[in-house]
Amino acid sequence: MPQSATTNLGYTPPDGGWGWAVVFGSFISIGCSYAFPKSLTIYFKEIQEYFSISYSEIAWVSSIMLATMYAGGPVSSILVNRYGSRPVVIVGGLMVGVAMVAASFGTTILHLYLCVGVIGGFGLAFNLQPSLTIIGKYFLVKRPIANGLAMAGSPVFLSTLAPLNQFLFDHFGWRGSFLILGGVLLNCCVAGSLMRPIKIKTKLPVRKITDENDTGKLDVTSQTAGQDESKQSVCATKVNQFIDVSLLKHRGFLIYLVGNVLMFFGFFAPVVFLAPYAKHQGIDEWIRPKIQYFFSFAVTYNGLCHMMCPLLPGYSGLVVYAVFFGLAFGMVCALLFEVLMDLVGAQRFSSAVGLATIIECGPVLLGPPISGLLVDIFMDYKYMYFACGMMMLLGGIFLFIMNYYNYRWLEKEGKQRKVVELEIGSAKELAANEEDKDNEEEIKLSTEEAADSTSKEP
């Protein structure tokens, strides 16, 4: 199996030290970003009755928030590349906090769409992407465990925000709860303050003088780069200064992207409607409790869990579903971006996250409302869970099949590369031998000429 993409950062990450404080800050930031839109479903039934709207209309609140969070990925990537992670996360925390406070005074559902969905979604986007990027700058060898600990914020916050929201809802209603949550989300600013820019120790070049062969390689490389740059338009060049769009030609990235697009059509909707589904059953007090192949398994496992949910009726059935789905959801969250970094490398990760999130925002936006429409049409939640489970199964199967072929293609390309390198090496060795022979002949001729001239002297 081929190795992961090389990490060419120009320095050696510390793999510890202040990096663990950065992981803690990312744990908070990522936890709020992923868990908060889903935990708001506790308030949906009261908001739905307050504004007299349908399941599909209320689902747009979380859907717009999640979609905006993903669509804001490229903007967040550009800001992170320009200003670093710390100020972007702090601004994001302020945005989402102010958005929730403003939403508590809402008089129409459109007000919630704008405040919670758009403004709050952009705030979460400024929290999510920088938190993922900065971990890759502090960790290399321990990066998988650091990413796993940071991504654990999603299930941890989801399991704690649900009972907290239930408590706030019982005592303060949805308006008072939104006001309090706005203050709670300002803790994202504290998390952002922990994301101190890494101090890079520059290294002196090992070799200052290159031999003729290396010079030849540099000349060829520079000529090739010059030709490639000349083919690019001025517009594309300017875009590449902010985000690496050449990733759209990266086969592994495209496989990851298509699988995720299928997955996200059914990824968030079951969580969005879990609390209303429980209340629909009469349960008012409800608390939700090789790496590419592993990710494919995690997506497939999620799909199977959703399809089994309607077959497990009652409170006990929902508890069983929540336990198994919690494990499946945690697996996907822990692997979602570690898999992407494994594909494209830490150097291109920021651009990859931006491109992936802007494309994935489509299914993230449409998934919950379409699922809510199924509930409105059939007046039953089971068809929504079946549809979401089927979409995730398709995504998981696609990832399994395409990653299998991608690994085979990478191995084949690696072998071809070695053959080419051997041929080039043999050609260079042959040229060197011929050059040595020519030098020997020249030395021999010069020696003979010197001997002849010496013998002719009186």
Protein backbone atom coordinates (compact mmCIF):
# COMPACT_ATOMS: atom_id res chain seq x y z
CA MET A 1 0.00 0.00 0.00
CA PRO A 2 1.45 3.40 -0.92
CA GLN A 3 2.64 5.81 1.67
CA SER A 4 0.76 8.99 2.49
CA ALA A 5 1.50 12.26 0.79
CA THR A 6 4.79 13.78 1.78
CA THR A 7 4.79 16.62 4.26
CA ASN A 8 7.14 19.32 3.03
CA LEU A 9 6.73 22.07 5.61
CA GLY A 10 10.30 23.34 5.49
CA TYR A 11 10.74 22.64 9.21
CA THR A 12 10.34 19.83 11.72
CA PRO A 13 7.08 20.10 13.73
CA PRO A 14 7.63 19.86 17.51
CA ASP A 15 5.10 17.00 17.94
CA GLY A 16 4.23 18.19 21.44
CA GLY A 17 4.91 21.07 23.79
CA TRP A 18 2.49 23.94 23.20
CA GLY A 19 0.97 21.79 20.47
CA TRP A 20 -1.14 20.01 23.10
CA ALA A 21 -2.61 23.37 24.16
CA VAL A 22 -3.40 23.93 20.48
CA VAL A 23 -5.11 20.51 20.40
CA PHE A 24 -7.22 21.53 23.41
CA GLY A 25 -8.22 24.77 21.70
CA SER A 26 -9.07 22.83 18.53
CA PHE A 27 -11.07 20.35 20.64
CA ILE A 28 -13.29 23.21 21.82
CA SER A 29 -13.50 24.93 18.45
CA ILE A 30 -14.23 21.79 16.43
CA GLY A 31 -16.66 20.53 19.06
CA CYS A 32 -18.71 23.73 18.84
CA SER A 33 -18.56 23.79 15.04
CA TYR A 34 -19.81 20.25 14.51
CA ALA A 35 -22.05 19.70 17.52
CA PHE A 36 -23.80 23.05 17.89
CA PRO A 37 -25.94 22.98 14.70
CA LYS A 38 -27.14 19.47 15.56
CA SER A 39 -27.86 20.22 19.23
CA LEU A 40 -30.26 23.03 18.29
CA THR A 41 -32.85 20.43 17.29
CA ILE A 42 -34.06 20.39 20.91
CA TYR A 43 -35.75 23.74 20.23
CA PHE A 44 -37.18 22.86 16.82
CA LYS A 45 -40.59 21.62 17.93
CA GLU A 46 -41.35 24.73 19.98
CA ILE A 47 -40.01 27.05 17.24
CA GLN A 48 -42.05 25.12 14.67
CA GLU A 49 -45.23 25.63 16.70
CA TYR A 50 -44.37 29.26 17.50
CA PHE A 51 -44.01 30.23 13.82
CA SER A 52 -46.56 27.65 12.52
CA ILE A 53 -44.19 26.14 9.95
CA SER A 54 -43.54 22.66 8.51
CA TYR A 55 -40.80 20.11 9.28
CA SER A 56 -39.00 21.04 6.10
CA GLU A 57 -39.02 24.78 6.92
CA ILE A 58 -37.67 24.33 10.44
CA ALA A 59 -34.96 21.98 9.12
CA TRP A 60 -33.55 24.86 7.08
CA VAL A 61 -32.22 26.48 10.28
CA SER A 62 -29.59 23.79 10.93
CA SER A 63 -29.23 23.10 7.23
CA ILE A 64 -28.33 26.71 6.34
CA MET A 65 -25.97 26.88 9.30
CA LEU A 66 -24.14 23.71 8.27
CA ALA A 67 -24.09 24.65 4.59
CA THR A 68 -22.75 28.13 5.36
CA MET A 69 -20.12 26.57 7.60
CA TYR A 70 -18.95 24.42 4.70
CA ALA A 71 -19.35 27.13 2.06
CA GLY A 72 -17.24 29.48 4.17
CA GLY A 73 -14.33 27.04 3.99
CA PRO A 74 -12.50 28.75 1.08
CA VAL A 75 -12.89 32.18 2.70
CA SER A 76 -11.55 30.76 5.93
CA SER A 77 -8.64 29.13 4.06
CA ILE A 78 -7.68 32.43 2.45
CA LEU A 79 -7.82 34.26 5.79
CA VAL A 80 -5.79 31.55 7.53
CA ASN A 81 -3.13 31.66 4.82
CA ARG A 82 -3.01 35.44 5.15
CA TYR A 83 -3.38 36.08 8.90
CA GLY A 84 -2.95 32.73 10.66
CA SER A 85 -5.36 30.61 12.70
CA ARG A 86 -5.56 32.62 15.94
CA PRO A 87 -7.28 35.83 14.74
CA VAL A 88 -9.62 33.94 12.41
CA VAL A 89 -10.91 31.68 15.20
CA ILE A 90 -11.36 34.64 17.57
CA VAL A 91 -13.39 36.55 14.97
CA GLY A 92 -15.44 33.40 14.29
CA GLY A 93 -16.24 33.02 17.99
CA LEU A 94 -17.44 36.62 18.15
CA MET A 95 -19.61 36.14 15.05
CA VAL A 96 -21.40 33.02 16.24
CA GLY A 97 -21.88 34.43 19.75
CA VAL A 98 -23.41 37.66 18.48
CA ALA A 99 -25.53 35.71 15.97
CA MET A 100 -27.17 33.64 18.71
CA VAL A 101 -27.84 36.70 20.86
CA ALA A 102 -29.46 38.45 17.87
CA ALA A 103 -31.48 35.30 17.06
CA SER A 104 -33.03 35.35 20.54
CA PHE A 105 -34.95 38.49 19.50
CA GLY A 106 -36.21 36.94 16.25
CA THR A 107 -39.80 37.53 15.18
CA THR A 108 -39.85 35.47 11.96
CA ILE A 109 -38.26 32.25 10.75
CA LEU A 110 -36.34 34.30 8.15
CA HIS A 111 -34.71 36.14 11.06
CA LEU A 112 -33.42 32.79 12.37
CA TYR A 113 -32.26 31.78 8.90
CA LEU A 114 -30.15 34.95 8.69
CA CYS A 115 -28.79 35.08 12.26
CA VAL A 116 -28.37 31.42 13.15
CA GLY A 117 -27.92 30.10 9.62
CA VAL A 118 -25.81 32.63 7.72
CA ILE A 119 -23.97 34.70 10.35
CA GLY A 120 -23.61 31.82 12.81
CA GLY A 121 -22.59 29.47 10.00
CA PHE A 122 -19.78 31.77 8.88
CA GLY A 123 -18.66 32.06 12.48
CA LEU A 124 -18.42 28.27 12.73
CA ALA A 125 -16.53 28.15 9.42
CA PHE A 126 -13.93 30.49 10.90
CA ASN A 127 -13.67 28.10 13.86
CA LEU A 128 -13.48 24.78 12.03
CA GLN A 129 -10.95 25.13 9.22
CA PRO A 130 -8.20 27.01 11.15
CA SER A 131 -8.40 24.46 13.97
CA LEU A 132 -7.79 21.63 11.51
CA THR A 133 -4.96 23.44 9.73
CA ILE A 134 -2.88 24.45 12.75
CA ILE A 135 -2.67 20.87 14.06
CA GLY A 136 -0.82 19.87 10.90
CA LYS A 137 1.72 22.61 11.64
CA TYR A 138 2.45 21.43 15.20
CA PHE A 139 2.38 17.65 14.63
CA LEU A 140 3.80 15.17 12.13
CA VAL A 141 4.53 11.79 13.75
CA LYS A 142 1.79 12.24 16.36
CA ARG A 143 -0.59 13.96 13.96
CA PRO A 144 -3.17 11.12 13.79
CA ILE A 145 -3.61 11.03 17.56
CA ALA A 146 -3.65 14.84 17.75
CA ASN A 147 -6.34 14.99 15.03
CA GLY A 148 -8.28 12.25 16.76
CA LEU A 149 -8.25 14.08 20.10
CA ALA A 150 -9.30 17.34 18.46
CA MET A 151 -12.09 15.70 16.45
CA ALA A 152 -13.31 13.98 19.64
CA GLY A 153 -14.71 17.39 20.51
CA SER A 154 -17.62 16.72 18.16
CA PRO A 155 -19.15 13.68 19.96
CA VAL A 156 -18.17 15.02 23.40
CA PHE A 157 -19.85 18.38 22.80
CA LEU A 158 -22.81 16.73 21.11
CA SER A 159 -23.44 14.50 24.13
CA THR A 160 -23.08 17.41 26.57
CA LEU A 161 -24.86 20.16 24.62
CA ALA A 162 -27.98 18.00 24.22
CA PRO A 163 -28.75 17.75 27.98
CA LEU A 164 -27.62 21.36 28.49
CA ASN A 165 -30.03 22.54 25.80
CA GLN A 166 -32.80 20.45 27.33
CA PHE A 167 -32.14 22.08 30.71
CA LEU A 168 -32.07 25.58 29.22
CA PHE A 169 -35.20 24.87 27.19
CA ASP A 170 -37.13 23.71 30.27
CA HIS A 171 -36.18 26.79 32.31
CA PHE A 172 -35.82 29.64 29.80
CA GLY A 173 -37.57 28.63 26.57
CA TRP A 174 -35.94 28.93 23.18
CA ARG A 175 -35.37 32.72 23.34
CA GLY A 176 -33.64 32.70 26.71
CA SER A 177 -31.66 29.62 25.71
CA PHE A 178 -30.37 31.28 22.54
CA LEU A 179 -29.27 34.30 24.58
CA ILE A 180 -27.33 32.10 27.03
CA LEU A 181 -25.84 29.99 24.25
CA GLY A 182 -24.53 33.16 22.61
CA GLY A 183 -22.48 33.81 25.75
CA VAL A 184 -21.32 30.18 25.93
CA LEU A 185 -20.08 30.27 22.34
CA LEU A 186 -17.81 33.21 23.12
CA ASN A 187 -15.53 30.56 24.65
CA CYS A 188 -14.45 29.88 21.07
CA CYS A 189 -12.50 33.14 21.35
CA VAL A 190 -10.62 31.64 24.30
CA ALA A 191 -9.93 28.53 22.23
CA GLY A 192 -8.60 30.71 19.44
CA SER A 193 -6.22 32.52 21.78
CA LEU A 194 -4.50 29.17 22.47
CA MET A 195 -3.60 28.77 18.79
CA ARG A 196 -0.24 30.51 19.00
CA PRO A 197 1.63 30.73 15.68
CA ILE A 198 4.45 28.21 15.56
CA LYS A 199 8.00 29.56 15.71
CA ILE A 200 9.90 28.21 12.73
CA LYS A 201 13.64 27.72 13.08
CA THR A 202 15.18 28.19 9.68
CA LYS A 203 17.79 25.64 8.65
CA LEU A 204 20.94 26.40 6.66
CA PRO A 205 21.15 24.55 3.34
CA VAL A 206 23.22 21.39 3.58
CA ARG A 207 24.87 21.86 0.18
CA LYS A 208 25.58 25.24 -1.30
CA ILE A 209 27.33 23.95 -4.43
CA THR A 210 25.70 21.46 -6.75
CA ASP A 211 27.44 19.30 -9.28
CA GLU A 212 26.87 19.49 -12.99
CA ASN A 213 24.19 16.78 -12.97
CA ASP A 214 22.20 18.59 -10.25
CA THR A 215 22.55 21.86 -12.13
CA GLY A 216 21.19 20.14 -15.20
CA LYS A 217 18.23 18.87 -13.19
CA LEU A 218 17.52 22.35 -11.86
CA ASP A 219 17.72 23.81 -15.35
CA VAL A 220 15.28 21.22 -16.70
CA THR A 221 12.93 21.70 -13.73
CA SER A 222 12.96 25.47 -14.06
CA GLN A 223 12.34 25.22 -17.79
CA THR A 224 9.38 22.88 -17.21
CA ALA A 225 7.98 25.13 -14.48
CA GLY A 226 8.33 28.13 -16.78
CA GLN A 227 6.43 26.34 -19.53
CA ASP A 228 3.65 25.33 -17.13
CA GLU A 229 3.34 28.84 -15.74
CA SER A 230 3.13 30.30 -19.22
CA LYS A 231 0.14 28.08 -19.98
CA GLN A 232 -1.82 29.35 -17.00
CA SER A 233 -4.05 32.34 -17.39
CA VAL A 234 -3.53 35.43 -15.27
CA CYS A 235 -6.79 34.75 -13.46
CA ALA A 236 -5.83 31.17 -12.56
CA THR A 237 -2.47 32.35 -11.30
CA LYS A 238 -4.12 34.85 -8.99
CA VAL A 239 -6.55 32.21 -7.71
CA ASN A 240 -3.69 29.80 -6.97
CA GLN A 241 -2.11 32.44 -4.77
CA PHE A 242 -5.02 32.03 -2.37
CA ILE A 243 -6.14 28.41 -2.82
CA ASP A 244 -4.58 25.49 -4.67
CA VAL A 245 -7.20 24.66 -7.34
CA SER A 246 -4.83 22.12 -8.92
CA LEU A 247 -6.21 19.72 -6.30
CA LEU A 248 -9.18 19.28 -8.64
CA LYS A 249 -6.79 17.20 -10.79
CA HIS A 250 -5.73 15.05 -7.81
CA ARG A 251 -7.31 11.61 -8.31
CA GLY A 252 -7.40 10.63 -4.64
CA PHE A 253 -8.89 13.99 -3.67
CA LEU A 254 -11.64 13.64 -6.28
CA ILE A 255 -12.51 10.13 -5.05
CA TYR A 256 -12.69 11.46 -1.49
CA LEU A 257 -14.87 14.36 -2.67
CA VAL A 258 -17.43 12.29 -4.60
CA GLY A 259 -17.78 9.84 -1.71
CA ASN A 260 -18.28 12.71 0.74
CA VAL A 261 -20.89 14.40 -1.46
CA LEU A 262 -22.94 11.21 -1.43
CA MET A 263 -22.37 10.77 2.29
CA PHE A 264 -23.44 14.28 3.29
CA PHE A 265 -26.87 13.91 1.68
CA GLY A 266 -27.66 11.52 4.53
CA PHE A 267 -25.08 12.47 7.17
CA PHE A 268 -26.69 15.31 9.13
CA ALA A 269 -30.43 14.82 8.60
CA PRO A 270 -30.80 11.80 10.96
CA VAL A 271 -29.16 13.80 13.76
CA VAL A 272 -31.23 16.89 13.00
CA PHE A 273 -34.48 14.92 13.28
CA LEU A 274 -33.47 12.54 16.09
CA ALA A 275 -34.93 14.67 18.90
CA PRO A 276 -38.20 15.43 17.03
CA TYR A 277 -38.46 11.72 16.14
CA ALA A 278 -38.17 10.80 19.81
CA LYS A 279 -40.86 13.34 20.73
CA HIS A 280 -43.00 12.00 17.88
CA GLN A 281 -42.87 8.63 19.63
CA GLY A 282 -43.97 10.24 22.88
CA ILE A 283 -40.51 10.39 24.47
CA ASP A 284 -40.14 13.97 25.74
CA GLU A 285 -36.98 13.63 27.82
CA TRP A 286 -34.42 12.59 25.33
CA ILE A 287 -30.61 12.72 25.57
CA ARG A 288 -28.55 11.90 22.48
CA PRO A 289 -26.00 10.31 23.62
CA LYS A 290 -4.94 1.08 5.36
CA ILE A 291 -6.90 4.57 6.66
CA GLN A 292 -8.94 5.12 3.45
CA TYR A 293 -10.56 1.70 3.88
CA PHE A 294 -11.28 2.47 7.52
CA PHE A 295 -13.00 5.68 6.51
CA SER A 296 -15.03 3.78 3.89
CA PHE A 297 -16.08 1.31 6.58
CA ALA A 298 -17.07 4.15 8.91
CA VAL A 299 -19.32 5.74 6.27
CA THR A 300 -20.93 2.37 5.46
CA TYR A 301 -21.42 1.66 9.17
CA ASN A 302 -23.25 5.00 9.55
CA GLY A 303 -25.58 4.10 6.70
CA LEU A 304 -26.43 0.73 8.24
CA CYS A 305 -27.15 2.38 11.59
CA HIS A 306 -29.62 4.83 10.00
CA MET A 307 -31.42 2.03 8.16
CA MET A 308 -31.75 0.03 11.39
CA CYS A 309 -33.19 2.97 13.39
CA PRO A 310 -36.85 2.58 12.28
CA LEU A 311 -36.65 -1.14 13.04
CA LEU A 312 -35.85 -0.43 16.72
CA PRO A 313 -39.03 1.17 18.14
CA GLY A 314 -39.48 2.63 21.60
CA TYR A 315 -37.11 4.29 24.02
CA SER A 316 -34.86 1.23 24.33
CA GLY A 317 -34.56 1.03 20.55
CA LEU A 318 -33.54 4.69 20.34
CA VAL A 319 -30.92 4.16 23.05
CA VAL A 320 -29.45 1.21 21.13
CA TYR A 321 -29.45 3.26 17.92
CA ALA A 322 -27.83 6.24 19.67
CA VAL A 323 -25.03 4.06 21.08
CA PHE A 324 -24.17 2.42 17.77
CA PHE A 325 -24.64 5.61 15.78
CA GLY A 326 -22.55 7.56 18.29
CA LEU A 327 -19.67 5.17 17.68
CA ALA A 328 -20.17 5.38 13.91
CA PHE A 329 -20.45 9.17 13.91
CA GLY A 330 -17.34 9.51 16.06
CA MET A 331 -15.40 7.31 13.65
CA VAL A 332 -16.33 9.48 10.68
CA CYS A 333 -15.59 12.72 12.53
CA ALA A 334 -12.19 11.46 13.68
CA LEU A 335 -11.20 10.29 10.19
CA LEU A 336 -12.87 12.89 7.97
CA PHE A 337 -9.96 15.32 7.75
CA GLU A 338 -7.13 12.99 8.74
CA VAL A 339 -7.93 11.01 5.58
CA LEU A 340 -7.82 14.20 3.51
CA MET A 341 -4.45 15.22 4.95
CA ASP A 342 -3.17 11.70 4.26
CA LEU A 343 -4.15 12.15 0.61
CA VAL A 344 -2.86 15.64 -0.17
CA GLY A 345 -0.25 16.32 2.55
CA ALA A 346 -0.11 19.05 5.19
CA GLN A 347 1.24 21.65 2.77
CA ARG A 348 -1.89 21.57 0.57
CA PHE A 349 -4.34 20.70 3.35
CA SER A 350 -5.69 24.22 3.88
CA SER A 351 -6.61 24.53 0.19
CA ALA A 352 -8.03 21.00 0.14
CA VAL A 353 -10.35 21.74 3.07
CA GLY A 354 -11.54 24.93 1.38
CA LEU A 355 -12.30 23.23 -1.93
CA ALA A 356 -13.93 20.22 -0.26
CA THR A 357 -16.21 22.24 2.00
CA ILE A 358 -17.43 24.59 -0.75
CA ILE A 359 -18.47 21.57 -2.88
CA GLU A 360 -19.89 19.62 0.06
CA CYS A 361 -22.04 22.54 1.19
CA GLY A 362 -24.59 21.57 -1.51
CA PRO A 363 -25.62 18.22 0.00
CA VAL A 364 -25.18 19.63 3.51
CA LEU A 365 -27.67 22.39 2.64
CA LEU A 366 -30.19 20.18 0.80
CA GLY A 367 -30.00 16.99 2.89
CA PRO A 368 -32.07 18.00 5.96
CA PRO A 369 -34.80 19.92 4.05
CA ILE A 370 -35.25 17.06 1.58
CA SER A 371 -35.44 14.67 4.52
CA GLY A 372 -37.95 16.97 6.20
CA LEU A 373 -39.99 16.96 2.98
CA LEU A 374 -40.11 13.15 3.14
CA VAL A 375 -41.49 13.43 6.68
CA ASP A 376 -44.09 15.97 5.51
CA ILE A 377 -45.17 13.75 2.60
CA PHE A 378 -45.33 10.36 4.36
CA MET A 379 -45.99 11.69 7.88
CA ASP A 380 -43.51 9.11 9.12
CA TYR A 381 -39.81 9.36 9.99
CA LYS A 382 -38.81 5.86 8.91
CA TYR A 383 -38.64 6.68 5.19
CA MET A 384 -36.30 9.58 5.95
CA TYR A 385 -33.97 7.27 7.88
CA PHE A 386 -34.09 4.65 5.13
CA ALA A 387 -33.25 7.27 2.47
CA CYS A 388 -30.37 8.75 4.46
CA GLY A 389 -28.99 5.33 5.26
CA MET A 390 -29.11 4.36 1.59
CA MET A 391 -27.23 7.52 0.54
CA MET A 392 -24.49 6.85 3.08
CA LEU A 393 -24.28 3.22 1.98
CA LEU A 394 -23.76 4.39 -1.61
CA GLY A 395 -21.03 6.76 -0.45
CA GLY A 396 -19.30 4.04 1.57
CA ILE A 397 -19.44 1.49 -1.24
CA PHE A 398 -18.14 4.06 -3.72
CA LEU A 399 -15.21 4.87 -1.43
CA PHE A 400 -14.41 1.18 -0.94
CA ILE A 401 -14.33 0.43 -4.67
CA MET A 402 -12.57 3.59 -5.85
CA ASN A 403 -9.97 3.55 -3.08
CA TYR A 404 -9.16 -0.06 -3.99
CA TYR A 405 -8.49 0.94 -7.60
CA ASN A 406 -6.71 4.13 -6.54
CA TYR A 407 -4.28 2.12 -4.41
CA ARG A 408 -3.64 -0.22 -7.35
CA TRP A 409 -3.08 2.74 -9.69
CA LEU A 410 -0.69 4.34 -7.21
CA GLU A 411 1.30 1.11 -6.92
CA LYS A 412 1.47 0.80 -10.71
CA GLU A 413 2.55 4.44 -11.06
CA GLY A 414 5.16 3.90 -8.35
CA LYS A 415 6.62 0.92 -10.21
CA GLN A 416 6.66 2.86 -13.50
CA ARG A 417 8.39 5.74 -11.73
CA LYS A 418 11.07 3.39 -10.43
CA VAL A 419 11.58 1.93 -13.90
CA VAL A 420 11.97 5.42 -15.35
CA GLU A 421 14.39 6.37 -12.58
CA LEU A 422 16.43 3.22 -13.24
CA GLU A 423 16.49 3.95 -16.97
CA ILE A 424 17.60 7.52 -16.32
CA GLY A 425 20.22 6.27 -13.88
CA SER A 426 21.48 3.71 -16.38
CA ALA A 427 21.61 6.35 -19.12
CA LYS A 428 23.55 8.68 -16.85
CA GLU A 429 25.91 5.87 -15.86
CA LEU A 430 26.45 4.95 -19.53
CA ALA A 431 27.08 8.58 -20.41
CA ALA A 432 29.52 8.87 -17.52
CA ASN A 433 31.37 5.71 -18.65
CA GLU A 434 31.61 7.02 -22.21
CA GLU A 435 32.84 10.34 -20.87
CA ASP A 436 35.47 8.51 -18.81
CA LYS A 437 36.57 6.55 -21.89
CA ASP A 438 36.82 9.77 -23.90
CA ASN A 439 38.89 11.32 -21.14
CA GLU A 440 41.16 8.27 -21.03
CA GLU A 441 41.64 8.38 -24.79
CA GLU A 442 42.43 12.08 -24.65
CA ILE A 443 44.94 11.49 -21.87
CA LYS A 444 46.47 8.60 -23.84
CA LEU A 445 46.73 10.71 -27.01
CA SER A 446 48.23 13.64 -25.13
CA THR A 447 50.73 11.29 -23.52
CA GLU A 448 51.70 9.79 -26.89
CA GLU A 449 52.06 13.24 -28.42
CA ALA A 450 54.25 14.34 -25.54
CA ALA A 451 56.42 11.23 -25.96
CA ASP A 452 56.77 11.80 -29.72
CA SER A 453 57.79 15.40 -29.25
CA THR A 454 60.34 14.35 -26.65
CA SER A 455 61.88 11.72 -28.96
CA LYS A 456 62.16 14.23 -31.83
CA GLU A 457 64.13 16.71 -29.76
CA PRO A 458 67.97 16.62 -30.46
